Amino acid sequence: MILTGEVLPGERLNELALSRRLNVSRAPLREAVRGLEQLGLLEIVPNRGVLVRQVSMKDALDLYDLRAALFRGAARLAARRALPEDLLRLRQLNEAMREAAAAERFADYYARNLDFHTALMAAGGNVPMARAYDRAVKGLHLFRRRSLVHPAQLDLSLQEHEDMISAINAHDAKAAGDAAERHIMLGRDRMLDTLDNGAPA
């Protein structure tokens, strides 16, 4: 519900209503809340209850820096470790994104983009790195859902993915790392452009 934007940053969660809606008792719900608080998606505020965390601009930019470093490291590892099936998966996801962009199915594009990044992290074969990246991505969900909606931006993002795939396929760790870091930082710039243009992030 948080990641799809059904509940928004700053919104208070009603434990009883959630318990009824999800058809679970309050004990496992409280456990889930604690887990989501540790992930940085919720915050427990005295006298106010459980709120969906609001991410500041500085927090968001810090998370982009973290993502860039982790994605660079994973791409470098993938250039050395990726199996043929890893490369096939990356190509399939990028093609699915291309088709979704052409059909203006932006929700599908967004979902496949997340899958692409997850697949690249997995190809790097470093589980702690992948977990840290996933946590950073989830934090940014609170700041900029679906900021990549302009067709020209989608084409740029897809080309950046192609550059990463080519470098990984060539086993060029430096080129793969450079392309991965550049992709995240250009994604940050695209997000900032949507804010400057008054578009919802």
N, C-alpha and C. Protein backbone atom coordinates (compact mmCIF):
# COMPACT_ATOMS: atom_id res chain seq x y z
N MET A 1 0.83 -1.20 0.00
CA MET A 1 0.00 0.00 0.00
C MET A 1 0.86 1.26 0.00
N ILE A 2 1.97 1.20 0.73
CA ILE A 2 2.88 2.35 0.77
C ILE A 2 3.57 2.52 -0.58
N LEU A 3 4.11 1.43 -1.11
CA LEU A 3 4.91 1.51 -2.32
C LEU A 3 4.08 1.82 -3.55
N THR A 4 2.79 1.48 -3.54
CA THR A 4 1.93 1.81 -4.68
C THR A 4 1.30 3.18 -4.55
N GLY A 5 1.55 3.86 -3.42
CA GLY A 5 1.00 5.20 -3.24
C GLY A 5 -0.43 5.22 -2.73
N GLU A 6 -0.93 4.05 -2.31
CA GLU A 6 -2.30 3.99 -1.78
C GLU A 6 -2.40 4.75 -0.47
N VAL A 7 -1.33 4.68 0.33
CA VAL A 7 -1.21 5.55 1.50
C VAL A 7 -0.02 6.46 1.25
N LEU A 8 -0.18 7.73 1.56
CA LEU A 8 0.79 8.74 1.15
C LEU A 8 1.72 9.15 2.28
N PRO A 9 2.89 9.69 1.94
CA PRO A 9 3.81 10.19 2.97
C PRO A 9 3.10 11.19 3.89
N GLY A 10 3.33 11.01 5.20
CA GLY A 10 2.70 11.87 6.19
C GLY A 10 1.35 11.37 6.68
N GLU A 11 0.79 10.39 5.98
CA GLU A 11 -0.52 9.87 6.35
C GLU A 11 -0.43 8.97 7.58
N ARG A 12 -1.40 9.10 8.46
CA ARG A 12 -1.44 8.29 9.67
C ARG A 12 -2.16 6.98 9.37
N LEU A 13 -1.59 5.87 9.87
CA LEU A 13 -2.20 4.56 9.67
C LEU A 13 -3.05 4.20 10.89
N ASN A 14 -4.27 3.80 10.64
CA ASN A 14 -5.18 3.39 11.70
C ASN A 14 -5.05 1.87 11.88
N GLU A 15 -4.51 1.48 13.03
CA GLU A 15 -4.21 0.07 13.28
C GLU A 15 -5.46 -0.80 13.23
N LEU A 16 -6.52 -0.35 13.84
CA LEU A 16 -7.76 -1.13 13.86
C LEU A 16 -8.33 -1.29 12.47
N ALA A 17 -8.36 -0.19 11.70
CA ALA A 17 -8.90 -0.25 10.34
C ALA A 17 -8.05 -1.16 9.46
N LEU A 18 -6.72 -1.07 9.60
CA LEU A 18 -5.84 -1.93 8.82
C LEU A 18 -6.03 -3.39 9.19
N SER A 19 -6.17 -3.66 10.49
CA SER A 19 -6.36 -5.02 10.96
C SER A 19 -7.62 -5.62 10.34
N ARG A 20 -8.67 -4.84 10.29
CA ARG A 20 -9.93 -5.33 9.70
C ARG A 20 -9.79 -5.51 8.19
N ARG A 21 -9.20 -4.53 7.56
CA ARG A 21 -9.07 -4.58 6.10
C ARG A 21 -8.22 -5.76 5.63
N LEU A 22 -7.12 -6.00 6.34
CA LEU A 22 -6.20 -7.08 5.95
C LEU A 22 -6.56 -8.43 6.56
N ASN A 23 -7.57 -8.38 7.43
CA ASN A 23 -8.05 -9.61 8.08
C ASN A 23 -6.93 -10.32 8.84
N VAL A 24 -6.20 -9.52 9.63
CA VAL A 24 -5.15 -10.08 10.49
C VAL A 24 -5.34 -9.49 11.89
N SER A 25 -4.84 -10.22 12.87
CA SER A 25 -4.94 -9.70 14.24
C SER A 25 -3.93 -8.57 14.42
N ARG A 26 -4.05 -7.86 15.53
CA ARG A 26 -3.22 -6.67 15.72
C ARG A 26 -1.77 -7.03 16.07
N ALA A 27 -1.54 -8.21 16.63
CA ALA A 27 -0.16 -8.58 17.00
C ALA A 27 0.75 -8.70 15.76
N PRO A 28 0.36 -9.47 14.73
CA PRO A 28 1.25 -9.52 13.55
C PRO A 28 1.30 -8.19 12.80
N LEU A 29 0.23 -7.41 12.90
CA LEU A 29 0.24 -6.10 12.26
C LEU A 29 1.28 -5.20 12.92
N ARG A 30 1.35 -5.25 14.26
CA ARG A 30 2.35 -4.45 14.97
C ARG A 30 3.76 -4.90 14.62
N GLU A 31 3.93 -6.20 14.45
CA GLU A 31 5.24 -6.74 14.04
C GLU A 31 5.61 -6.22 12.65
N ALA A 32 4.63 -6.19 11.75
CA ALA A 32 4.87 -5.67 10.40
C ALA A 32 5.23 -4.19 10.45
N VAL A 33 4.55 -3.45 11.30
CA VAL A 33 4.83 -2.02 11.44
C VAL A 33 6.27 -1.82 11.91
N ARG A 34 6.71 -2.63 12.86
CA ARG A 34 8.10 -2.51 13.33
C ARG A 34 9.09 -2.79 12.20
N GLY A 35 8.77 -3.81 11.40
CA GLY A 35 9.64 -4.14 10.27
C GLY A 35 9.70 -3.01 9.25
N LEU A 36 8.54 -2.41 8.97
CA LEU A 36 8.51 -1.31 8.00
C LEU A 36 9.17 -0.05 8.56
N GLU A 37 9.13 0.10 9.88
CA GLU A 37 9.85 1.21 10.50
C GLU A 37 11.35 1.01 10.31
N GLN A 38 11.84 -0.22 10.49
CA GLN A 38 13.26 -0.50 10.31
C GLN A 38 13.69 -0.29 8.86
N LEU A 39 12.77 -0.53 7.92
CA LEU A 39 13.07 -0.30 6.50
C LEU A 39 13.03 1.18 6.15
N GLY A 40 12.55 2.01 7.07
CA GLY A 40 12.50 3.43 6.81
C GLY A 40 11.24 3.88 6.10
N LEU A 41 10.22 3.02 6.05
CA LEU A 41 8.98 3.39 5.36
C LEU A 41 7.95 3.99 6.30
N LEU A 42 8.01 3.63 7.56
CA LEU A 42 7.08 4.16 8.56
C LEU A 42 7.87 4.81 9.69
N GLU A 43 7.19 5.70 10.41
CA GLU A 43 7.77 6.23 11.64
C GLU A 43 6.69 6.25 12.71
N ILE A 44 7.11 5.92 13.93
CA ILE A 44 6.20 5.93 15.06
C ILE A 44 6.45 7.21 15.84
N VAL A 45 5.43 8.06 15.89
CA VAL A 45 5.55 9.38 16.51
C VAL A 45 4.72 9.41 17.78
N PRO A 46 5.34 9.69 18.93
CA PRO A 46 4.59 9.75 20.18
C PRO A 46 3.40 10.71 20.07
N ASN A 47 2.27 10.28 20.61
CA ASN A 47 1.02 11.04 20.62
C ASN A 47 0.39 11.25 19.25
N ARG A 48 1.01 10.68 18.20
CA ARG A 48 0.42 10.81 16.86
C ARG A 48 0.17 9.45 16.23
N GLY A 49 0.94 8.45 16.61
CA GLY A 49 0.74 7.12 16.08
C GLY A 49 1.74 6.76 14.99
N VAL A 50 1.31 5.89 14.09
CA VAL A 50 2.18 5.40 13.02
C VAL A 50 1.91 6.21 11.76
N LEU A 51 2.97 6.82 11.22
CA LEU A 51 2.85 7.64 10.03
C LEU A 51 3.72 7.09 8.91
N VAL A 52 3.26 7.25 7.68
CA VAL A 52 4.11 6.95 6.54
C VAL A 52 5.20 8.02 6.51
N ARG A 53 6.44 7.57 6.42
CA ARG A 53 7.57 8.49 6.51
C ARG A 53 7.57 9.48 5.36
N GLN A 54 7.90 10.72 5.69
CA GLN A 54 8.10 11.74 4.67
C GLN A 54 9.59 11.89 4.43
N VAL A 55 9.98 11.88 3.17
CA VAL A 55 11.39 11.96 2.80
C VAL A 55 11.68 13.38 2.32
N SER A 56 12.66 14.03 2.96
CA SER A 56 13.04 15.38 2.57
C SER A 56 13.88 15.35 1.30
N MET A 57 14.07 16.51 0.69
CA MET A 57 14.92 16.60 -0.49
C MET A 57 16.34 16.12 -0.17
N LYS A 58 16.88 16.53 0.98
CA LYS A 58 18.24 16.10 1.34
C LYS A 58 18.29 14.59 1.50
N ASP A 59 17.27 14.01 2.17
CA ASP A 59 17.21 12.55 2.32
C ASP A 59 17.22 11.87 0.95
N ALA A 60 16.41 12.41 0.04
CA ALA A 60 16.29 11.82 -1.30
C ALA A 60 17.62 11.88 -2.04
N LEU A 61 18.29 13.02 -1.99
CA LEU A 61 19.58 13.15 -2.68
C LEU A 61 20.63 12.24 -2.06
N ASP A 62 20.59 12.10 -0.74
CA ASP A 62 21.50 11.16 -0.06
C ASP A 62 21.24 9.73 -0.52
N LEU A 63 19.96 9.37 -0.67
CA LEU A 63 19.62 8.03 -1.12
C LEU A 63 20.07 7.80 -2.56
N TYR A 64 19.97 8.82 -3.40
CA TYR A 64 20.48 8.68 -4.77
C TYR A 64 21.99 8.44 -4.76
N ASP A 65 22.72 9.16 -3.90
CA ASP A 65 24.17 8.94 -3.81
C ASP A 65 24.47 7.51 -3.38
N LEU A 66 23.71 7.01 -2.41
CA LEU A 66 23.90 5.64 -1.95
C LEU A 66 23.58 4.65 -3.06
N ARG A 67 22.45 4.86 -3.74
CA ARG A 67 22.08 3.98 -4.85
C ARG A 67 23.16 3.96 -5.93
N ALA A 68 23.69 5.14 -6.26
CA ALA A 68 24.71 5.22 -7.31
C ALA A 68 25.95 4.39 -6.95
N ALA A 69 26.38 4.50 -5.69
CA ALA A 69 27.56 3.74 -5.26
C ALA A 69 27.30 2.24 -5.28
N LEU A 70 26.12 1.83 -4.80
CA LEU A 70 25.79 0.41 -4.76
C LEU A 70 25.58 -0.16 -6.16
N PHE A 71 24.91 0.60 -7.01
CA PHE A 71 24.63 0.13 -8.37
C PHE A 71 25.93 0.02 -9.17
N ARG A 72 26.83 0.98 -8.94
CA ARG A 72 28.14 0.91 -9.59
C ARG A 72 28.87 -0.36 -9.17
N GLY A 73 28.88 -0.61 -7.87
CA GLY A 73 29.56 -1.81 -7.37
C GLY A 73 28.96 -3.09 -7.92
N ALA A 74 27.64 -3.15 -7.97
CA ALA A 74 26.97 -4.36 -8.48
C ALA A 74 27.25 -4.57 -9.95
N ALA A 75 27.26 -3.49 -10.73
CA ALA A 75 27.53 -3.63 -12.17
C ALA A 75 28.95 -4.11 -12.41
N ARG A 76 29.89 -3.60 -11.62
CA ARG A 76 31.28 -4.06 -11.75
C ARG A 76 31.37 -5.56 -11.44
N LEU A 77 30.67 -5.99 -10.39
CA LEU A 77 30.66 -7.41 -10.05
C LEU A 77 29.97 -8.23 -11.14
N ALA A 78 28.88 -7.69 -11.67
CA ALA A 78 28.13 -8.41 -12.71
C ALA A 78 29.00 -8.61 -13.96
N ALA A 79 29.84 -7.63 -14.26
CA ALA A 79 30.73 -7.77 -15.43
C ALA A 79 31.67 -8.96 -15.27
N ARG A 80 31.95 -9.34 -14.04
CA ARG A 80 32.83 -10.49 -13.78
C ARG A 80 32.05 -11.77 -13.52
N ARG A 81 30.83 -11.65 -12.97
CA ARG A 81 30.12 -12.83 -12.46
C ARG A 81 28.86 -13.22 -13.22
N ALA A 82 28.32 -12.31 -14.02
CA ALA A 82 27.00 -12.57 -14.63
C ALA A 82 27.03 -13.82 -15.50
N LEU A 83 25.99 -14.60 -15.36
CA LEU A 83 25.81 -15.80 -16.18
C LEU A 83 25.01 -15.43 -17.43
N PRO A 84 25.05 -16.28 -18.45
CA PRO A 84 24.26 -15.99 -19.67
C PRO A 84 22.78 -15.74 -19.37
N GLU A 85 22.23 -16.49 -18.42
CA GLU A 85 20.81 -16.29 -18.09
C GLU A 85 20.56 -14.93 -17.42
N ASP A 86 21.57 -14.40 -16.71
CA ASP A 86 21.43 -13.07 -16.12
C ASP A 86 21.33 -12.01 -17.21
N LEU A 87 22.20 -12.13 -18.22
CA LEU A 87 22.18 -11.18 -19.33
C LEU A 87 20.88 -11.29 -20.12
N LEU A 88 20.41 -12.52 -20.32
CA LEU A 88 19.14 -12.72 -21.02
C LEU A 88 18.01 -12.05 -20.27
N ARG A 89 17.98 -12.19 -18.96
CA ARG A 89 16.93 -11.58 -18.15
C ARG A 89 16.98 -10.05 -18.27
N LEU A 90 18.18 -9.48 -18.22
CA LEU A 90 18.30 -8.02 -18.36
C LEU A 90 17.81 -7.55 -19.73
N ARG A 91 18.17 -8.29 -20.78
CA ARG A 91 17.71 -7.91 -22.12
C ARG A 91 16.19 -8.03 -22.24
N GLN A 92 15.63 -9.11 -21.69
CA GLN A 92 14.18 -9.30 -21.75
C GLN A 92 13.44 -8.17 -21.02
N LEU A 93 13.94 -7.79 -19.87
CA LEU A 93 13.30 -6.73 -19.10
C LEU A 93 13.39 -5.39 -19.82
N ASN A 94 14.56 -5.12 -20.42
CA ASN A 94 14.69 -3.85 -21.13
C ASN A 94 13.76 -3.82 -22.34
N GLU A 95 13.60 -4.95 -23.01
CA GLU A 95 12.68 -5.00 -24.16
C GLU A 95 11.23 -4.84 -23.70
N ALA A 96 10.89 -5.43 -22.55
CA ALA A 96 9.54 -5.27 -22.01
C ALA A 96 9.28 -3.80 -21.66
N MET A 97 10.31 -3.13 -21.15
CA MET A 97 10.17 -1.70 -20.85
C MET A 97 9.99 -0.90 -22.13
N ARG A 98 10.73 -1.26 -23.17
CA ARG A 98 10.61 -0.55 -24.45
C ARG A 98 9.19 -0.67 -24.99
N GLU A 99 8.63 -1.88 -24.91
CA GLU A 99 7.26 -2.11 -25.39
C GLU A 99 6.25 -1.33 -24.55
N ALA A 100 6.46 -1.32 -23.24
CA ALA A 100 5.54 -0.60 -22.36
C ALA A 100 5.61 0.91 -22.63
N ALA A 101 6.81 1.42 -22.87
CA ALA A 101 6.96 2.85 -23.17
C ALA A 101 6.26 3.21 -24.48
N ALA A 102 6.43 2.35 -25.50
CA ALA A 102 5.81 2.62 -26.80
C ALA A 102 4.28 2.63 -26.69
N ALA A 103 3.75 1.80 -25.82
CA ALA A 103 2.30 1.71 -25.63
C ALA A 103 1.80 2.69 -24.56
N GLU A 104 2.72 3.48 -24.00
CA GLU A 104 2.40 4.44 -22.93
C GLU A 104 1.75 3.76 -21.72
N ARG A 105 2.22 2.54 -21.44
CA ARG A 105 1.79 1.82 -20.23
C ARG A 105 2.83 2.12 -19.15
N PHE A 106 2.70 3.30 -18.55
CA PHE A 106 3.75 3.79 -17.66
C PHE A 106 3.85 2.99 -16.37
N ALA A 107 2.73 2.47 -15.88
CA ALA A 107 2.79 1.65 -14.66
C ALA A 107 3.58 0.37 -14.93
N ASP A 108 3.38 -0.23 -16.11
CA ASP A 108 4.15 -1.43 -16.49
C ASP A 108 5.62 -1.09 -16.64
N TYR A 109 5.89 0.04 -17.28
CA TYR A 109 7.28 0.47 -17.46
C TYR A 109 7.97 0.61 -16.10
N TYR A 110 7.29 1.26 -15.19
CA TYR A 110 7.84 1.52 -13.87
C TYR A 110 8.15 0.20 -13.15
N ALA A 111 7.21 -0.75 -13.22
CA ALA A 111 7.40 -2.05 -12.56
C ALA A 111 8.57 -2.82 -13.17
N ARG A 112 8.66 -2.81 -14.51
CA ARG A 112 9.76 -3.53 -15.17
C ARG A 112 11.10 -2.85 -14.91
N ASN A 113 11.08 -1.52 -14.76
CA ASN A 113 12.31 -0.81 -14.42
C ASN A 113 12.84 -1.26 -13.06
N LEU A 114 11.93 -1.39 -12.10
CA LEU A 114 12.34 -1.90 -10.78
C LEU A 114 12.89 -3.31 -10.91
N ASP A 115 12.23 -4.15 -11.75
CA ASP A 115 12.70 -5.52 -11.96
C ASP A 115 14.10 -5.53 -12.59
N PHE A 116 14.34 -4.61 -13.53
CA PHE A 116 15.65 -4.54 -14.18
C PHE A 116 16.74 -4.25 -13.16
N HIS A 117 16.49 -3.26 -12.31
CA HIS A 117 17.49 -2.90 -11.31
C HIS A 117 17.72 -4.06 -10.32
N THR A 118 16.64 -4.72 -9.94
CA THR A 118 16.77 -5.88 -9.04
C THR A 118 17.59 -6.98 -9.71
N ALA A 119 17.32 -7.22 -11.00
CA ALA A 119 18.04 -8.27 -11.74
C ALA A 119 19.52 -7.94 -11.87
N LEU A 120 19.85 -6.68 -12.08
CA LEU A 120 21.26 -6.32 -12.18
C LEU A 120 21.96 -6.50 -10.84
N MET A 121 21.27 -6.09 -9.76
CA MET A 121 21.86 -6.30 -8.44
C MET A 121 22.08 -7.79 -8.17
N ALA A 122 21.12 -8.62 -8.57
CA ALA A 122 21.25 -10.07 -8.38
C ALA A 122 22.40 -10.62 -9.20
N ALA A 123 22.60 -10.09 -10.41
CA ALA A 123 23.69 -10.56 -11.28
C ALA A 123 25.05 -10.27 -10.65
N GLY A 124 25.11 -9.25 -9.79
CA GLY A 124 26.36 -8.95 -9.11
C GLY A 124 26.73 -9.99 -8.06
N GLY A 125 25.73 -10.71 -7.57
CA GLY A 125 25.98 -11.82 -6.66
C GLY A 125 26.37 -11.43 -5.25
N ASN A 126 26.10 -10.18 -4.85
CA ASN A 126 26.43 -9.74 -3.50
C ASN A 126 25.13 -9.44 -2.76
N VAL A 127 24.69 -10.38 -1.92
CA VAL A 127 23.38 -10.27 -1.28
C VAL A 127 23.27 -9.07 -0.35
N PRO A 128 24.25 -8.80 0.54
CA PRO A 128 24.14 -7.61 1.38
C PRO A 128 24.04 -6.32 0.58
N MET A 129 24.77 -6.24 -0.53
CA MET A 129 24.71 -5.06 -1.39
C MET A 129 23.32 -4.91 -1.99
N ALA A 130 22.76 -6.03 -2.44
CA ALA A 130 21.42 -6.00 -3.04
C ALA A 130 20.36 -5.59 -2.02
N ARG A 131 20.50 -6.05 -0.79
CA ARG A 131 19.54 -5.68 0.26
C ARG A 131 19.62 -4.19 0.57
N ALA A 132 20.85 -3.67 0.65
CA ALA A 132 21.01 -2.24 0.93
C ALA A 132 20.43 -1.41 -0.20
N TYR A 133 20.62 -1.87 -1.43
CA TYR A 133 20.07 -1.14 -2.58
C TYR A 133 18.55 -1.14 -2.54
N ASP A 134 17.98 -2.30 -2.23
CA ASP A 134 16.52 -2.41 -2.17
C ASP A 134 15.94 -1.46 -1.12
N ARG A 135 16.63 -1.36 -0.02
CA ARG A 135 16.15 -0.45 1.04
C ARG A 135 16.21 1.00 0.58
N ALA A 136 17.27 1.38 -0.11
CA ALA A 136 17.39 2.75 -0.62
C ALA A 136 16.30 3.04 -1.64
N VAL A 137 16.01 2.07 -2.50
CA VAL A 137 14.95 2.24 -3.51
C VAL A 137 13.60 2.44 -2.83
N LYS A 138 13.33 1.63 -1.83
CA LYS A 138 12.04 1.75 -1.13
C LYS A 138 11.91 3.13 -0.47
N GLY A 139 12.99 3.64 0.08
CA GLY A 139 12.94 4.98 0.66
C GLY A 139 12.61 6.04 -0.37
N LEU A 140 13.14 5.87 -1.58
CA LEU A 140 12.87 6.85 -2.63
C LEU A 140 11.45 6.75 -3.16
N HIS A 141 10.81 5.60 -3.00
CA HIS A 141 9.40 5.47 -3.40
C HIS A 141 8.55 6.53 -2.71
N LEU A 142 8.94 6.86 -1.49
CA LEU A 142 8.17 7.83 -0.72
C LEU A 142 8.35 9.25 -1.26
N PHE A 143 9.39 9.42 -2.09
CA PHE A 143 9.70 10.77 -2.57
C PHE A 143 9.27 11.00 -4.02
N ARG A 144 9.45 9.99 -4.85
CA ARG A 144 9.27 10.26 -6.28
C ARG A 144 8.63 9.10 -7.03
N ARG A 145 7.41 8.79 -6.73
CA ARG A 145 6.75 7.73 -7.49
C ARG A 145 6.53 8.16 -8.93
N ARG A 146 6.96 7.29 -9.84
CA ARG A 146 6.69 7.46 -11.26
C ARG A 146 7.11 8.82 -11.82
N SER A 147 8.35 9.21 -11.55
CA SER A 147 8.81 10.49 -12.09
C SER A 147 9.22 10.35 -13.56
N LEU A 148 9.50 9.12 -14.01
CA LEU A 148 9.91 8.93 -15.40
C LEU A 148 8.68 8.73 -16.28
N VAL A 149 8.09 9.79 -16.71
CA VAL A 149 6.88 9.66 -17.51
C VAL A 149 6.99 10.34 -18.87
N HIS A 150 8.03 11.12 -19.10
CA HIS A 150 8.18 11.77 -20.40
C HIS A 150 8.83 10.79 -21.37
N PRO A 151 8.23 10.61 -22.57
CA PRO A 151 8.77 9.62 -23.53
C PRO A 151 10.26 9.79 -23.81
N ALA A 152 10.73 11.04 -23.92
CA ALA A 152 12.16 11.25 -24.19
C ALA A 152 13.01 10.75 -23.03
N GLN A 153 12.52 10.92 -21.81
CA GLN A 153 13.25 10.43 -20.65
C GLN A 153 13.29 8.90 -20.64
N LEU A 154 12.19 8.29 -21.03
CA LEU A 154 12.15 6.83 -21.07
C LEU A 154 13.17 6.30 -22.08
N ASP A 155 13.26 6.94 -23.24
CA ASP A 155 14.22 6.51 -24.26
C ASP A 155 15.64 6.63 -23.75
N LEU A 156 15.93 7.71 -23.04
CA LEU A 156 17.27 7.88 -22.47
C LEU A 156 17.58 6.80 -21.45
N SER A 157 16.62 6.52 -20.59
CA SER A 157 16.81 5.50 -19.56
C SER A 157 17.05 4.13 -20.20
N LEU A 158 16.29 3.81 -21.23
CA LEU A 158 16.46 2.53 -21.93
C LEU A 158 17.83 2.42 -22.56
N GLN A 159 18.32 3.51 -23.15
CA GLN A 159 19.65 3.49 -23.75
C GLN A 159 20.73 3.31 -22.68
N GLU A 160 20.51 3.91 -21.52
CA GLU A 160 21.46 3.74 -20.41
C GLU A 160 21.50 2.27 -19.98
N HIS A 161 20.33 1.62 -19.97
CA HIS A 161 20.29 0.19 -19.65
C HIS A 161 21.08 -0.61 -20.69
N GLU A 162 20.90 -0.25 -21.97
CA GLU A 162 21.63 -0.94 -23.04
C GLU A 162 23.14 -0.81 -22.85
N ASP A 163 23.57 0.38 -22.44
CA ASP A 163 25.01 0.60 -22.21
C ASP A 163 25.52 -0.31 -21.10
N MET A 164 24.73 -0.46 -20.04
CA MET A 164 25.14 -1.34 -18.94
C MET A 164 25.21 -2.79 -19.40
N ILE A 165 24.18 -3.22 -20.13
CA ILE A 165 24.14 -4.61 -20.61
C ILE A 165 25.34 -4.89 -21.50
N SER A 166 25.65 -3.96 -22.41
CA SER A 166 26.79 -4.16 -23.32
C SER A 166 28.10 -4.28 -22.56
N ALA A 167 28.30 -3.43 -21.55
CA ALA A 167 29.54 -3.47 -20.78
C ALA A 167 29.64 -4.75 -19.96
N ILE A 168 28.52 -5.19 -19.38
CA ILE A 168 28.52 -6.45 -18.62
C ILE A 168 28.82 -7.61 -19.55
N ASN A 169 28.20 -7.60 -20.74
CA ASN A 169 28.41 -8.67 -21.71
C ASN A 169 29.87 -8.73 -22.16
N ALA A 170 30.52 -7.56 -22.22
CA ALA A 170 31.93 -7.49 -22.63
C ALA A 170 32.88 -7.75 -21.47
N HIS A 171 32.34 -8.01 -20.28
CA HIS A 171 33.14 -8.24 -19.07
C HIS A 171 34.04 -7.05 -18.75
N ASP A 172 33.55 -5.86 -19.07
CA ASP A 172 34.30 -4.62 -18.82
C ASP A 172 33.77 -4.00 -17.53
N ALA A 173 34.43 -4.33 -16.42
CA ALA A 173 33.95 -3.90 -15.10
C ALA A 173 33.93 -2.38 -14.97
N LYS A 174 34.97 -1.71 -15.48
CA LYS A 174 35.01 -0.25 -15.36
C LYS A 174 33.87 0.40 -16.14
N ALA A 175 33.69 -0.02 -17.38
CA ALA A 175 32.62 0.57 -18.20
C ALA A 175 31.25 0.27 -17.60
N ALA A 176 31.07 -0.94 -17.08
CA ALA A 176 29.79 -1.30 -16.47
C ALA A 176 29.52 -0.44 -15.24
N GLY A 177 30.54 -0.28 -14.40
CA GLY A 177 30.38 0.54 -13.21
C GLY A 177 30.10 1.99 -13.54
N ASP A 178 30.85 2.52 -14.53
CA ASP A 178 30.64 3.91 -14.94
C ASP A 178 29.22 4.12 -15.48
N ALA A 179 28.76 3.17 -16.31
CA ALA A 179 27.43 3.30 -16.91
C ALA A 179 26.34 3.20 -15.84
N ALA A 180 26.55 2.32 -14.87
CA ALA A 180 25.55 2.15 -13.82
C ALA A 180 25.45 3.39 -12.94
N GLU A 181 26.60 3.92 -12.55
CA GLU A 181 26.58 5.13 -11.71
C GLU A 181 25.97 6.31 -12.47
N ARG A 182 26.36 6.44 -13.74
CA ARG A 182 25.81 7.53 -14.56
C ARG A 182 24.29 7.41 -14.68
N HIS A 183 23.80 6.19 -14.83
CA HIS A 183 22.35 5.96 -14.95
C HIS A 183 21.60 6.45 -13.72
N ILE A 184 22.12 6.13 -12.54
CA ILE A 184 21.43 6.56 -11.31
C ILE A 184 21.48 8.07 -11.17
N MET A 185 22.63 8.67 -11.45
CA MET A 185 22.75 10.11 -11.28
C MET A 185 21.92 10.87 -12.33
N LEU A 186 21.83 10.33 -13.54
CA LEU A 186 20.95 10.95 -14.53
C LEU A 186 19.48 10.76 -14.13
N GLY A 187 19.17 9.62 -13.50
CA GLY A 187 17.83 9.41 -12.97
C GLY A 187 17.50 10.45 -11.90
N ARG A 188 18.49 10.75 -11.07
CA ARG A 188 18.32 11.80 -10.08
C ARG A 188 18.02 13.14 -10.76
N ASP A 189 18.78 13.44 -11.82
CA ASP A 189 18.56 14.70 -12.53
C ASP A 189 17.17 14.75 -13.17
N ARG A 190 16.72 13.60 -13.70
CA ARG A 190 15.38 13.56 -14.29
C ARG A 190 14.32 13.79 -13.22
N MET A 191 14.54 13.20 -12.04
CA MET A 191 13.60 13.42 -10.93
C MET A 191 13.54 14.90 -10.57
N LEU A 192 14.71 15.55 -10.49
CA LEU A 192 14.75 16.97 -10.15
C LEU A 192 14.07 17.81 -11.22
N ASP A 193 14.21 17.39 -12.48
CA ASP A 193 13.54 18.11 -13.58
C ASP A 193 12.03 18.06 -13.41
N THR A 194 11.50 16.90 -12.99
CA THR A 194 10.04 16.80 -12.82
C THR A 194 9.58 17.74 -11.73
N LEU A 195 10.40 17.91 -10.70
CA LEU A 195 10.04 18.83 -9.61
C LEU A 195 10.10 20.28 -10.10
N ASP A 196 11.15 20.60 -10.86
CA ASP A 196 11.31 21.96 -11.36
C ASP A 196 10.16 22.34 -12.29
N ASN A 197 9.66 21.34 -13.04
CA ASN A 197 8.58 21.59 -13.99
C ASN A 197 7.21 21.55 -13.35
N GLY A 198 7.18 21.30 -12.03
CA GLY A 198 5.91 21.27 -11.34
C GLY A 198 5.17 19.96 -11.46
N ALA A 199 5.82 18.95 -12.05
CA ALA A 199 5.16 17.64 -12.19
C ALA A 199 5.26 16.89 -10.88
N PRO A 200 4.29 16.03 -10.58
CA PRO A 200 4.39 15.27 -9.35
C PRO A 200 5.54 14.29 -9.41
N ALA A 201 6.30 14.16 -8.32
CA ALA A 201 7.44 13.25 -8.30
C ALA A 201 7.02 11.92 -7.75
